[in-house]
Amino acid sequence: MMMPVSSGSSGCVGVKMFVSKSTSLYATRMYGSVLLYLVVVVSYNSGELLCPEIAELGSTVNLKCIKGIATRAHSYSTPIGTAAATCDLSNRYCINLGDFTASVLNESSSFLTIPHLLETHAGDWACVVDADDPNPDTCNVTVQKSPSCRITSPQNTRALIVGEELSLTVYVRSFYCSESVIIGVKTGNITSHPIKETVTKVTNSTENVTFHMTASHFGNVTLVFSCGTKNQHVLCEGIQSLVEGKQANITTTPTQPTGHPTTDGQDTDSSQCGVEGCIIPIVLAVFLYVVVVVVVVFIIKFVCKRRKNREEHRNKENEDDTEASALRQEEDTQ
């Protein structure tokens, strides 16, 4: 069946054009086939490689490769371009290379296990499909090692005052980040960043932080370790808090001389101490008084006893002399 289509232009006689209905149907089917083909291609090529954004040095890390339909094989490559494993998803077996271990989950997914994460494992990992994937899926792994730390100060951090200059020494041990690292010290609500650098291996560092105390500095003291997009607070050995000490109250009103009565008839003395200030001196005075009394009593008893012993010894000698004289007299009379 033919469909008439009129066409015309100025100065021309109208001409009728006829388009076959079968031709229109054919074009519709072709369009549908192309669309289906695009859907299949997109489904075949779509997928993703899942991995942790940041992982701890020395830890075990798992990567998961997910692809669309009609996937026959997955091949994993490291950030330096070497092969880690190849998996045949149809037959459900993998060939492992080096220390890596791979396994098939199903006909479109597989796992790769990194048993011991190294510095060289930082970067982009890739999952290649059937060895002909022009744009393999990738994921980036940042490798870090959380530090240990110790914070010290020559000052008493339990009795600080606003405006006082405080110096802290920060010892940071065994830290690493495959990206730029920022290490700061958080005191109360204030964070300073004494270390900002890129390291290539596990590193130690010692930094001095000096600042003037404000009300916002009082509180807990922690180390802020920033690697990539991850921030973590590390509680260090040594100083863990800054405490505000008591300040003496300074009065501007004049004091009255000692012994002079005030308007209410009571004597005032600018040197009078509070209850807490007087207790310790009183206790010390009583203690010293008791000690002195005990020592004096002991000395008196010791002197008396010694004098008594001398008298007894002298009396005994006199008695012996008397007896000896009596014996001599008896011998003379005989």
C-alpha atoms as a PDB file:
ATOM      1  CA  MET A   1       0.000   0.000   0.000  1.00  0.00           C
ATOM      2  CA  MET A   2       1.295   3.415  -1.012  1.00  0.00           C
ATOM      3  CA  MET A   3       0.814   6.635   0.983  1.00  0.00           C
ATOM      4  CA  PRO A   4       0.476   9.893  -1.019  1.00  0.00           C
ATOM      5  CA  VAL A   5       2.516  12.824   0.074  1.00  0.00           C
ATOM      6  CA  SER A   6       2.021  16.166  -1.620  1.00  0.00           C
ATOM      7  CA  SER A   7       4.931  18.445  -2.299  1.00  0.00           C
ATOM      8  CA  GLY A   8       5.078  21.776  -3.967  1.00  0.00           C
ATOM      9  CA  SER A   9       7.021  24.952  -4.480  1.00  0.00           C
ATOM     10  CA  SER A  10       6.355  28.358  -5.916  1.00  0.00           C
ATOM     11  CA  GLY A  11       5.949  28.272  -9.699  1.00  0.00           C
ATOM     12  CA  CYS A  12       5.812  24.487  -9.793  1.00  0.00           C
ATOM     13  CA  VAL A  13       2.968  22.101 -10.217  1.00  0.00           C
ATOM     14  CA  GLY A  14       2.227  20.005  -7.097  1.00  0.00           C
ATOM     15  CA  VAL A  15       3.683  16.513  -7.252  1.00  0.00           C
ATOM     16  CA  LYS A  16       2.456  13.593  -5.174  1.00  0.00           C
ATOM     17  CA  MET A  17       5.129  11.352  -3.613  1.00  0.00           C
ATOM     18  CA  PHE A  18       4.367   7.853  -2.404  1.00  0.00           C
ATOM     19  CA  VAL A  19       6.258   6.107   0.544  1.00  0.00           C
ATOM     20  CA  SER A  20       5.865   2.414   1.127  1.00  0.00           C
ATOM     21  CA  LYS A  21       4.456   1.409   4.551  1.00  0.00           C
ATOM     22  CA  SER A  22       6.833  -1.566   4.595  1.00  0.00           C
ATOM     23  CA  THR A  23       9.770   0.831   4.309  1.00  0.00           C
ATOM     24  CA  SER A  24       8.596   2.724   7.392  1.00  0.00           C
ATOM     25  CA  LEU A  25       8.221  -0.505   9.347  1.00  0.00           C
ATOM     26  CA  TYR A  26      11.737  -1.597   8.343  1.00  0.00           C
ATOM     27  CA  ALA A  27      13.211   1.669   9.582  1.00  0.00           C
ATOM     28  CA  THR A  28      11.431   1.253  12.913  1.00  0.00           C
ATOM     29  CA  ARG A  29      12.827  -2.253  13.342  1.00  0.00           C
ATOM     30  CA  MET A  30      16.328  -1.089  12.478  1.00  0.00           C
ATOM     31  CA  TYR A  31      16.101   1.651  15.099  1.00  0.00           C
ATOM     32  CA  GLY A  32      14.997  -0.857  17.702  1.00  0.00           C
ATOM     33  CA  SER A  33      17.844  -3.222  16.810  1.00  0.00           C
ATOM     34  CA  VAL A  34      20.427  -0.471  17.131  1.00  0.00           C
ATOM     35  CA  LEU A  35      19.007   0.550  20.513  1.00  0.00           C
ATOM     36  CA  LEU A  36      19.075  -3.053  21.741  1.00  0.00           C
ATOM     37  CA  TYR A  37      22.667  -3.398  20.552  1.00  0.00           C
ATOM     38  CA  LEU A  38      23.669  -0.269  22.449  1.00  0.00           C
ATOM     39  CA  VAL A  39      21.992  -1.579  25.601  1.00  0.00           C
ATOM     40  CA  VAL A  40      23.843  -4.882  25.277  1.00  0.00           C
ATOM     41  CA  VAL A  41      27.190  -3.155  24.683  1.00  0.00           C
ATOM     42  CA  VAL A  42      26.683  -0.830  27.651  1.00  0.00           C
ATOM     43  CA  SER A  43      25.661  -3.763  29.847  1.00  0.00           C
ATOM     44  CA  TYR A  44      28.684  -5.714  28.695  1.00  0.00           C
ATOM     45  CA  ASN A  45      31.156  -2.939  29.378  1.00  0.00           C
ATOM     46  CA  SER A  46      29.585  -1.456  32.523  1.00  0.00           C
ATOM     47  CA  GLY A  47      30.973  -2.527  35.880  1.00  0.00           C
ATOM     48  CA  GLU A  48      33.125  -1.389  38.762  1.00  0.00           C
ATOM     49  CA  LEU A  49      36.155  -2.265  40.819  1.00  0.00           C
ATOM     50  CA  LEU A  50      35.578  -1.819  44.543  1.00  0.00           C
ATOM     51  CA  CYS A  51      38.394  -1.247  47.003  1.00  0.00           C
ATOM     52  CA  PRO A  52      38.953   0.627  50.312  1.00  0.00           C
ATOM     53  CA  GLU A  53      39.863   4.267  49.828  1.00  0.00           C
ATOM     54  CA  ILE A  54      42.431   4.178  52.650  1.00  0.00           C
ATOM     55  CA  ALA A  55      44.028   1.054  54.148  1.00  0.00           C
ATOM     56  CA  GLU A  56      46.541   0.457  56.925  1.00  0.00           C
ATOM     57  CA  LEU A  57      50.073  -0.598  56.023  1.00  0.00           C
ATOM     58  CA  GLY A  58      50.513  -4.330  56.638  1.00  0.00           C
ATOM     59  CA  SER A  59      46.777  -5.079  56.716  1.00  0.00           C
ATOM     60  CA  THR A  60      44.780  -7.475  54.517  1.00  0.00           C
ATOM     61  CA  VAL A  61      42.834  -5.763  51.703  1.00  0.00           C
ATOM     62  CA  ASN A  62      40.100  -7.153  49.399  1.00  0.00           C
ATOM     63  CA  LEU A  63      39.229  -5.855  45.926  1.00  0.00           C
ATOM     64  CA  LYS A  64      36.000  -6.835  44.146  1.00  0.00           C
ATOM     65  CA  CYS A  65      35.576  -6.700  40.370  1.00  0.00           C
ATOM     66  CA  ILE A  66      31.991  -6.622  39.074  1.00  0.00           C
ATOM     67  CA  LYS A  67      31.235  -6.718  35.346  1.00  0.00           C
ATOM     68  CA  GLY A  68      28.173  -6.933  33.137  1.00  0.00           C
ATOM     69  CA  ILE A  69      26.818  -9.929  31.242  1.00  0.00           C
ATOM     70  CA  ALA A  70      28.827 -12.219  28.987  1.00  0.00           C
ATOM     71  CA  THR A  71      32.030 -11.840  31.019  1.00  0.00           C
ATOM     72  CA  ARG A  72      34.507 -14.664  30.491  1.00  0.00           C
ATOM     73  CA  ALA A  73      37.610 -13.597  32.446  1.00  0.00           C
ATOM     74  CA  HIS A  74      38.933 -11.010  34.894  1.00  0.00           C
ATOM     75  CA  SER A  75      42.567  -9.946  35.117  1.00  0.00           C
ATOM     76  CA  TYR A  76      43.870  -7.803  37.978  1.00  0.00           C
ATOM     77  CA  SER A  77      46.853  -5.468  37.588  1.00  0.00           C
ATOM     78  CA  THR A  78      48.807  -3.617  40.285  1.00  0.00           C
ATOM     79  CA  PRO A  79      49.566   0.134  40.374  1.00  0.00           C
ATOM     80  CA  ILE A  80      52.998  -0.550  38.852  1.00  0.00           C
ATOM     81  CA  GLY A  81      51.425  -2.456  35.943  1.00  0.00           C
ATOM     82  CA  THR A  82      52.258  -6.054  36.906  1.00  0.00           C
ATOM     83  CA  ALA A  83      49.649  -8.834  36.858  1.00  0.00           C
ATOM     84  CA  ALA A  84      48.269  -9.950  40.213  1.00  0.00           C
ATOM     85  CA  ALA A  85      45.809 -12.701  39.170  1.00  0.00           C
ATOM     86  CA  THR A  86      43.618 -13.950  36.309  1.00  0.00           C
ATOM     87  CA  CYS A  87      40.218 -15.570  36.809  1.00  0.00           C
ATOM     88  CA  ASP A  88      38.173 -17.740  34.414  1.00  0.00           C
ATOM     89  CA  LEU A  89      34.634 -16.931  35.490  1.00  0.00           C
ATOM     90  CA  SER A  90      33.046 -19.595  33.263  1.00  0.00           C
ATOM     91  CA  ASN A  91      35.041 -22.439  34.822  1.00  0.00           C
ATOM     92  CA  ARG A  92      35.281 -20.732  38.228  1.00  0.00           C
ATOM     93  CA  TYR A  93      39.012 -20.911  38.810  1.00  0.00           C
ATOM     94  CA  CYS A  94      41.822 -18.343  39.167  1.00  0.00           C
ATOM     95  CA  ILE A  95      45.551 -18.268  38.521  1.00  0.00           C
ATOM     96  CA  ASN A  96      47.326 -16.408  41.343  1.00  0.00           C
ATOM     97  CA  LEU A  97      50.588 -14.555  40.877  1.00  0.00           C
ATOM     98  CA  GLY A  98      52.968 -13.613  43.678  1.00  0.00           C
ATOM     99  CA  ASP A  99      51.398 -13.343  47.123  1.00  0.00           C
ATOM    100  CA  PHE A 100      47.974 -12.332  45.776  1.00  0.00           C
ATOM    101  CA  THR A 101      44.939 -14.598  46.018  1.00  0.00           C
ATOM    102  CA  ALA A 102      41.884 -14.384  43.743  1.00  0.00           C
ATOM    103  CA  SER A 103      38.577 -16.258  43.763  1.00  0.00           C
ATOM    104  CA  VAL A 104      35.420 -16.337  41.633  1.00  0.00           C
ATOM    105  CA  LEU A 105      32.210 -15.191  43.271  1.00  0.00           C
ATOM    106  CA  ASN A 106      29.829 -15.783  40.350  1.00  0.00           C
ATOM    107  CA  GLU A 107      29.780 -15.520  36.556  1.00  0.00           C
ATOM    108  CA  SER A 108      30.197 -11.730  36.686  1.00  0.00           C
ATOM    109  CA  SER A 109      32.175 -11.052  39.894  1.00  0.00           C
ATOM    110  CA  SER A 110      35.493 -11.998  41.455  1.00  0.00           C
ATOM    111  CA  PHE A 111      37.667 -11.094  44.457  1.00  0.00           C
ATOM    112  CA  LEU A 112      41.360 -10.271  44.806  1.00  0.00           C
ATOM    113  CA  THR A 113      42.995 -10.458  48.243  1.00  0.00           C
ATOM    114  CA  ILE A 114      46.173  -8.546  49.139  1.00  0.00           C
ATOM    115  CA  PRO A 115      47.463 -10.455  52.194  1.00  0.00           C
ATOM    116  CA  HIS A 116      50.000  -7.856  53.369  1.00  0.00           C
ATOM    117  CA  LEU A 117      49.617  -4.272  52.129  1.00  0.00           C
ATOM    118  CA  LEU A 118      52.928  -2.624  51.150  1.00  0.00           C
ATOM    119  CA  GLU A 119      53.950   0.915  50.244  1.00  0.00           C
ATOM    120  CA  THR A 120      54.168  -0.139  46.587  1.00  0.00           C
ATOM    121  CA  HIS A 121      50.503  -1.179  46.624  1.00  0.00           C
ATOM    122  CA  ALA A 122      49.367   2.458  46.798  1.00  0.00           C
ATOM    123  CA  GLY A 123      47.786   3.826  43.623  1.00  0.00           C
ATOM    124  CA  ASP A 124      45.374   2.698  40.894  1.00  0.00           C
ATOM    125  CA  TRP A 125      44.420  -0.981  40.663  1.00  0.00           C
ATOM    126  CA  ALA A 126      42.692  -2.225  37.493  1.00  0.00           C
ATOM    127  CA  CYS A 127      40.326  -5.035  36.512  1.00  0.00           C
ATOM    128  CA  VAL A 128      40.597  -5.980  32.815  1.00  0.00           C
ATOM    129  CA  VAL A 129      37.832  -8.020  31.148  1.00  0.00           C
ATOM    130  CA  ASP A 130      38.699 -10.680  28.535  1.00  0.00           C
ATOM    131  CA  ALA A 131      42.057  -8.997  27.822  1.00  0.00           C
ATOM    132  CA  ASP A 132      40.426  -6.664  25.269  1.00  0.00           C
ATOM    133  CA  ASP A 133      38.849  -4.071  27.531  1.00  0.00           C
ATOM    134  CA  PRO A 134      40.025  -0.659  26.258  1.00  0.00           C
ATOM    135  CA  ASN A 135      38.889   1.160  29.415  1.00  0.00           C
ATOM    136  CA  PRO A 136      39.329  -1.114  32.428  1.00  0.00           C
ATOM    137  CA  ASP A 137      37.717  -0.168  35.725  1.00  0.00           C
ATOM    138  CA  THR A 138      40.144   1.180  38.300  1.00  0.00           C
ATOM    139  CA  CYS A 139      40.150   2.141  41.975  1.00  0.00           C
ATOM    140  CA  ASN A 140      42.710   4.031  44.015  1.00  0.00           C
ATOM    141  CA  VAL A 141      44.135   2.731  47.299  1.00  0.00           C
ATOM    142  CA  THR A 142      45.841   5.109  49.731  1.00  0.00           C
ATOM    143  CA  VAL A 143      48.263   3.391  52.126  1.00  0.00           C
ATOM    144  CA  GLN A 144      48.816   4.812  55.608  1.00  0.00           C
ATOM    145  CA  LYS A 145      50.429   3.855  58.917  1.00  0.00           C
ATOM    146  CA  SER A 146      48.936   5.442  62.001  1.00  0.00           C
ATOM    147  CA  PRO A 147      51.571   6.985  64.302  1.00  0.00           C
ATOM    148  CA  SER A 148      52.357   6.615  67.965  1.00  0.00           C
ATOM    149  CA  CYS A 149      53.257   9.808  69.830  1.00  0.00           C
ATOM    150  CA  ARG A 150      54.396  11.473  73.044  1.00  0.00           C
ATOM    151  CA  ILE A 151      53.950  15.121  74.082  1.00  0.00           C
ATOM    152  CA  THR A 152      56.086  16.811  76.755  1.00  0.00           C
ATOM    153  CA  SER A 153      56.639  20.322  78.141  1.00  0.00           C
ATOM    154  CA  PRO A 154      59.066  21.925  80.606  1.00  0.00           C
ATOM    155  CA  GLN A 155      56.109  23.806  82.129  1.00  0.00           C
ATOM    156  CA  ASN A 156      53.377  22.722  84.506  1.00  0.00           C
ATOM    157  CA  THR A 157      50.419  22.075  82.217  1.00  0.00           C
ATOM    158  CA  ARG A 158      48.092  21.558  85.198  1.00  0.00           C
ATOM    159  CA  ALA A 159      48.212  25.210  86.293  1.00  0.00           C
ATOM    160  CA  LEU A 160      48.268  27.424  83.189  1.00  0.00           C
ATOM    161  CA  ILE A 161      46.860  30.936  82.837  1.00  0.00           C
ATOM    162  CA  VAL A 162      45.493  32.874  79.887  1.00  0.00           C
ATOM    163  CA  GLY A 163      48.247  34.793  78.097  1.00  0.00           C
ATOM    164  CA  GLU A 164      51.026  32.466  79.234  1.00  0.00           C
ATOM    165  CA  GLU A 165      53.389  31.225  76.524  1.00  0.00           C
ATOM    166  CA  LEU A 166      53.398  27.432  76.357  1.00  0.00           C
ATOM    167  CA  SER A 167      55.951  25.242  74.590  1.00  0.00           C
ATOM    168  CA  LEU A 168      55.179  21.636  73.666  1.00  0.00           C
ATOM    169  CA  THR A 169      57.548  19.055  72.199  1.00  0.00           C
ATOM    170  CA  VAL A 170      55.780  16.517  69.990  1.00  0.00           C
ATOM    171  CA  TYR A 171      57.457  13.167  69.277  1.00  0.00           C
ATOM    172  CA  VAL A 172      55.741  11.373  66.352  1.00  0.00           C
ATOM    173  CA  ARG A 173      56.874   7.826  65.663  1.00  0.00           C
ATOM    174  CA  SER A 174      56.377   5.357  62.784  1.00  0.00           C
ATOM    175  CA  PHE A 175      53.946   7.188  60.500  1.00  0.00           C
ATOM    176  CA  TYR A 176      53.428   6.889  56.757  1.00  0.00           C
ATOM    177  CA  CYS A 177      51.036   8.112  54.078  1.00  0.00           C
ATOM    178  CA  SER A 178      51.272   7.452  50.342  1.00  0.00           C
ATOM    179  CA  GLU A 179      49.794  10.918  49.798  1.00  0.00           C
ATOM    180  CA  SER A 180      50.587  14.251  51.418  1.00  0.00           C
ATOM    181  CA  VAL A 181      50.388  13.978  55.201  1.00  0.00           C
ATOM    182  CA  ILE A 182      49.389  16.662  57.696  1.00  0.00           C
ATOM    183  CA  ILE A 183      50.050  16.168  61.409  1.00  0.00           C
ATOM    184  CA  GLY A 184      48.664  18.682  63.888  1.00  0.00           C
ATOM    185  CA  VAL A 185      48.294  19.115  67.632  1.00  0.00           C
ATOM    186  CA  LYS A 186      44.810  19.868  68.940  1.00  0.00           C
ATOM    187  CA  THR A 187      44.676  21.670  72.298  1.00  0.00           C
ATOM    188  CA  GLY A 188      41.112  22.277  73.436  1.00  0.00           C
ATOM    189  CA  ASN A 189      39.364  23.692  70.359  1.00  0.00           C
ATOM    190  CA  ILE A 190      42.529  24.936  68.617  1.00  0.00           C
ATOM    191  CA  THR A 191      44.465  22.834  66.077  1.00  0.00           C
ATOM    192  CA  SER A 192      47.948  23.717  64.828  1.00  0.00           C
ATOM    193  CA  HIS A 193      49.744  21.922  61.982  1.00  0.00           C
ATOM    194  CA  PRO A 194      53.476  21.714  62.626  1.00  0.00           C
ATOM    195  CA  ILE A 195      54.104  18.931  60.049  1.00  0.00           C
ATOM    196  CA  LYS A 196      52.991  19.048  56.415  1.00  0.00           C
ATOM    197  CA  GLU A 197      55.050  16.953  54.039  1.00  0.00           C
ATOM    198  CA  THR A 198      55.214  13.976  51.695  1.00  0.00           C
ATOM    199  CA  VAL A 199      57.066  10.899  52.983  1.00  0.00           C
ATOM    200  CA  THR A 200      58.374   7.931  51.012  1.00  0.00           C
ATOM    201  CA  LYS A 201      58.838   5.506  53.913  1.00  0.00           C
ATOM    202  CA  VAL A 202      57.860   4.969  57.538  1.00  0.00           C
ATOM    203  CA  THR A 203      59.147   8.094  59.285  1.00  0.00           C
ATOM    204  CA  ASN A 204      59.820   9.561  62.748  1.00  0.00           C
ATOM    205  CA  SER A 205      59.607  13.271  63.499  1.00  0.00           C
ATOM    206  CA  THR A 206      60.066  15.653  66.435  1.00  0.00           C
ATOM    207  CA  GLU A 207      58.476  19.092  66.394  1.00  0.00           C
ATOM    208  CA  ASN A 208      58.223  22.022  68.830  1.00  0.00           C
ATOM    209  CA  VAL A 209      54.938  23.917  69.120  1.00  0.00           C
ATOM    210  CA  THR A 210      54.821  27.287  70.915  1.00  0.00           C
ATOM    211  CA  PHE A 211      51.741  29.474  71.424  1.00  0.00           C
ATOM    212  CA  HIS A 212      50.120  31.864  73.898  1.00  0.00           C
ATOM    213  CA  MET A 213      47.326  30.357  75.962  1.00  0.00           C
ATOM    214  CA  THR A 214      43.741  31.450  75.350  1.00  0.00           C
ATOM    215  CA  ALA A 215      40.516  30.202  76.861  1.00  0.00           C
ATOM    216  CA  SER A 216      40.028  27.991  73.792  1.00  0.00           C
ATOM    217  CA  HIS A 217      43.324  26.131  74.393  1.00  0.00           C
ATOM    218  CA  PHE A 218      42.230  24.548  77.675  1.00  0.00           C
ATOM    219  CA  GLY A 219      40.999  20.954  77.408  1.00  0.00           C
ATOM    220  CA  ASN A 220      42.155  17.658  75.911  1.00  0.00           C
ATOM    221  CA  VAL A 221      45.376  17.379  73.906  1.00  0.00           C
ATOM    222  CA  THR A 222      45.439  14.995  70.906  1.00  0.00           C
ATOM    223  CA  LEU A 223      47.476  14.441  67.755  1.00  0.00           C
ATOM    224  CA  VAL A 224      45.545  14.954  64.487  1.00  0.00           C
ATOM    225  CA  PHE A 225      46.828  12.653  61.720  1.00  0.00           C
ATOM    226  CA  SER A 226      45.513  13.468  58.226  1.00  0.00           C
ATOM    227  CA  CYS A 227      46.270  11.113  55.345  1.00  0.00           C
ATOM    228  CA  GLY A 228      44.418  11.669  52.084  1.00  0.00           C
ATOM    229  CA  THR A 229      40.788  12.388  52.959  1.00  0.00           C
ATOM    230  CA  LYS A 230      40.881  10.671  56.353  1.00  0.00           C
ATOM    231  CA  ASN A 231      41.476  12.436  59.680  1.00  0.00           C
ATOM    232  CA  GLN A 232      42.041  10.593  62.925  1.00  0.00           C
ATOM    233  CA  HIS A 233      42.724  11.747  66.478  1.00  0.00           C
ATOM    234  CA  VAL A 234      45.504   9.918  68.318  1.00  0.00           C
ATOM    235  CA  LEU A 235      45.803  10.060  72.121  1.00  0.00           C
ATOM    236  CA  CYS A 236      49.504  10.437  72.950  1.00  0.00           C
ATOM    237  CA  GLU A 237      51.552   9.482  75.969  1.00  0.00           C
ATOM    238  CA  GLY A 238      52.640  12.292  78.270  1.00  0.00           C
ATOM    239  CA  ILE A 239      50.534  15.462  78.258  1.00  0.00           C
ATOM    240  CA  GLN A 240      46.871  14.698  77.541  1.00  0.00           C
ATOM    241  CA  SER A 241      45.183  17.889  78.776  1.00  0.00           C
ATOM    242  CA  LEU A 242      45.841  21.570  79.560  1.00  0.00           C
ATOM    243  CA  VAL A 243      44.324  22.754  82.841  1.00  0.00           C
ATOM    244  CA  GLU A 244      43.736  26.339  83.890  1.00  0.00           C
ATOM    245  CA  GLY A 245      45.283  27.286  87.221  1.00  0.00           C
ATOM    246  CA  LYS A 246      43.919  29.734  89.850  1.00  0.00           C
ATOM    247  CA  GLN A 247      44.943  33.371  89.577  1.00  0.00           C
ATOM    248  CA  ALA A 248      45.385  35.636  92.590  1.00  0.00           C
ATOM    249  CA  ASN A 249      42.678  38.285  92.906  1.00  0.00           C
ATOM    250  CA  ILE A 250      44.160  41.807  92.877  1.00  0.00           C
ATOM    251  CA  THR A 251      42.072  44.440  94.726  1.00  0.00           C
ATOM    252  CA  THR A 252      42.462  48.172  94.265  1.00  0.00           C
ATOM    253  CA  THR A 253      40.716  49.280  97.506  1.00  0.00           C
ATOM    254  CA  PRO A 254      43.132  50.497 100.214  1.00  0.00           C
ATOM    255  CA  THR A 255      43.530  48.450 103.385  1.00  0.00           C
ATOM    256  CA  GLN A 256      43.278  49.912 106.864  1.00  0.00           C
ATOM    257  CA  PRO A 257      46.199  49.777 109.292  1.00  0.00           C
ATOM    258  CA  THR A 258      46.384  46.877 111.702  1.00  0.00           C
ATOM    259  CA  GLY A 259      44.605  47.428 115.007  1.00  0.00           C
ATOM    260  CA  HIS A 260      42.614  50.464 113.855  1.00  0.00           C
ATOM    261  CA  PRO A 261      38.874  50.019 114.230  1.00  0.00           C
ATOM    262  CA  THR A 262      36.583  50.324 111.213  1.00  0.00           C
ATOM    263  CA  THR A 263      33.271  52.119 111.143  1.00  0.00           C
ATOM    264  CA  ASP A 264      31.473  48.987 112.365  1.00  0.00           C
ATOM    265  CA  GLY A 265      33.694  48.823 115.468  1.00  0.00           C
ATOM    266  CA  GLN A 266      35.696  45.737 114.415  1.00  0.00           C
ATOM    267  CA  ASP A 267      39.462  45.645 113.995  1.00  0.00           C
ATOM    268  CA  THR A 268      40.761  44.758 110.529  1.00  0.00           C
ATOM    269  CA  ASP A 269      44.149  43.429 109.519  1.00  0.00           C
ATOM    270  CA  SER A 270      45.297  43.208 105.889  1.00  0.00           C
ATOM    271  CA  SER A 271      47.509  40.263 106.811  1.00  0.00           C
ATOM    272  CA  GLN A 272      44.634  38.077 108.035  1.00  0.00           C
ATOM    273  CA  CYS A 273      44.507  34.702 106.334  1.00  0.00           C
ATOM    274  CA  GLY A 274      41.551  32.682 105.244  1.00  0.00           C
ATOM    275  CA  VAL A 275      40.402  29.474 106.875  1.00  0.00           C
ATOM    276  CA  GLU A 276      42.349  27.231 104.501  1.00  0.00           C
ATOM    277  CA  GLY A 277      45.442  29.459 104.690  1.00  0.00           C
ATOM    278  CA  CYS A 278      45.567  29.347 108.504  1.00  0.00           C
ATOM    279  CA  ILE A 279      44.915  25.652 109.049  1.00  0.00           C
ATOM    280  CA  ILE A 280      48.293  24.449 107.796  1.00  0.00           C
ATOM    281  CA  PRO A 281      50.396  26.896 109.900  1.00  0.00           C
ATOM    282  CA  ILE A 282      48.354  26.046 113.013  1.00  0.00           C
ATOM    283  CA  VAL A 283      48.773  22.318 112.471  1.00  0.00           C
ATOM    284  CA  LEU A 284      52.518  22.745 111.952  1.00  0.00           C
ATOM    285  CA  ALA A 285      52.833  24.874 115.095  1.00  0.00           C
ATOM    286  CA  VAL A 286      50.942  22.303 117.200  1.00  0.00           C
ATOM    287  CA  PHE A 287      53.053  19.513 115.777  1.00  0.00           C
ATOM    288  CA  LEU A 288      56.312  21.310 116.546  1.00  0.00           C
ATOM    289  CA  TYR A 289      55.078  22.132 120.047  1.00  0.00           C
ATOM    290  CA  VAL A 290      54.282  18.467 120.715  1.00  0.00           C
ATOM    291  CA  VAL A 291      57.658  17.374 119.366  1.00  0.00           C
ATOM    292  CA  VAL A 292      59.480  19.898 121.571  1.00  0.00           C
ATOM    293  CA  VAL A 293      57.542  18.792 124.657  1.00  0.00           C
ATOM    294  CA  VAL A 294      58.273  15.138 124.010  1.00  0.00           C
ATOM    295  CA  VAL A 295      61.972  15.826 123.473  1.00  0.00           C
ATOM    296  CA  VAL A 296      62.204  17.912 126.676  1.00  0.00           C
ATOM    297  CA  VAL A 297      60.421  15.215 128.705  1.00  0.00           C
ATOM    298  CA  PHE A 298      62.714  12.571 127.281  1.00  0.00           C
ATOM    299  CA  ILE A 299      65.824  14.608 128.136  1.00  0.00           C
ATOM    300  CA  ILE A 300      64.598  15.252 131.699  1.00  0.00           C
ATOM    301  CA  LYS A 301      63.851  11.579 132.292  1.00  0.00           C
ATOM    302  CA  PHE A 302      67.198  10.594 130.838  1.00  0.00           C
ATOM    303  CA  VAL A 303      69.104  13.051 133.073  1.00  0.00           C
ATOM    304  CA  CYS A 304      67.196  11.984 136.162  1.00  0.00           C
ATOM    305  CA  LYS A 305      67.773   8.320 135.506  1.00  0.00           C
ATOM    306  CA  ARG A 306      71.456   8.880 134.938  1.00  0.00           C
ATOM    307  CA  ARG A 307      71.769  10.926 138.139  1.00  0.00           C
ATOM    308  CA  LYS A 308      69.950   8.214 140.071  1.00  0.00           C
ATOM    309  CA  ASN A 309      72.286   5.556 138.721  1.00  0.00           C
ATOM    310  CA  ARG A 310      75.296   7.596 139.823  1.00  0.00           C
ATOM    311  CA  GLU A 311      73.929   7.998 143.315  1.00  0.00           C
ATOM    312  CA  GLU A 312      73.201   4.296 143.592  1.00  0.00           C
ATOM    313  CA  HIS A 313      76.697   3.481 142.388  1.00  0.00           C
ATOM    314  CA  ARG A 314      78.207   5.948 144.869  1.00  0.00           C
ATOM    315  CA  ASN A 315      76.155   4.501 147.748  1.00  0.00           C
ATOM    316  CA  LYS A 316      77.226   1.002 146.866  1.00  0.00           C
ATOM    317  CA  GLU A 317      80.894   2.039 146.883  1.00  0.00           C
ATOM    318  CA  ASN A 318      80.430   3.636 150.316  1.00  0.00           C
ATOM    319  CA  GLU A 319      78.812   0.470 151.636  1.00  0.00           C
ATOM    320  CA  ASP A 320      81.715  -1.607 150.309  1.00  0.00           C
ATOM    321  CA  ASP A 321      84.229   0.735 151.946  1.00  0.00           C
ATOM    322  CA  THR A 322      82.374   0.522 155.285  1.00  0.00           C
ATOM    323  CA  GLU A 323      82.354  -3.274 155.199  1.00  0.00           C
ATOM    324  CA  ALA A 324      86.061  -3.340 154.335  1.00  0.00           C
ATOM    325  CA  SER A 325      86.890  -1.018 157.261  1.00  0.00           C
ATOM    326  CA  ALA A 326      84.904  -3.174 159.653  1.00  0.00           C
ATOM    327  CA  LEU A 327      86.761  -6.277 158.570  1.00  0.00           C
ATOM    328  CA  ARG A 328      90.119  -4.593 159.069  1.00  0.00           C
ATOM    329  CA  GLN A 329      89.146  -3.496 162.589  1.00  0.00           C
ATOM    330  CA  GLU A 330      88.110  -7.028 163.504  1.00  0.00           C
ATOM    331  CA  GLU A 331      91.421  -8.358 162.243  1.00  0.00           C
ATOM    332  CA  ASP A 332      93.349  -5.788 164.273  1.00  0.00           C
ATOM    333  CA  THR A 333      91.525  -6.627 167.506  1.00  0.00           C
ATOM    334  CA  GLN A 334      92.287 -10.338 167.075  1.00  0.00           C
END
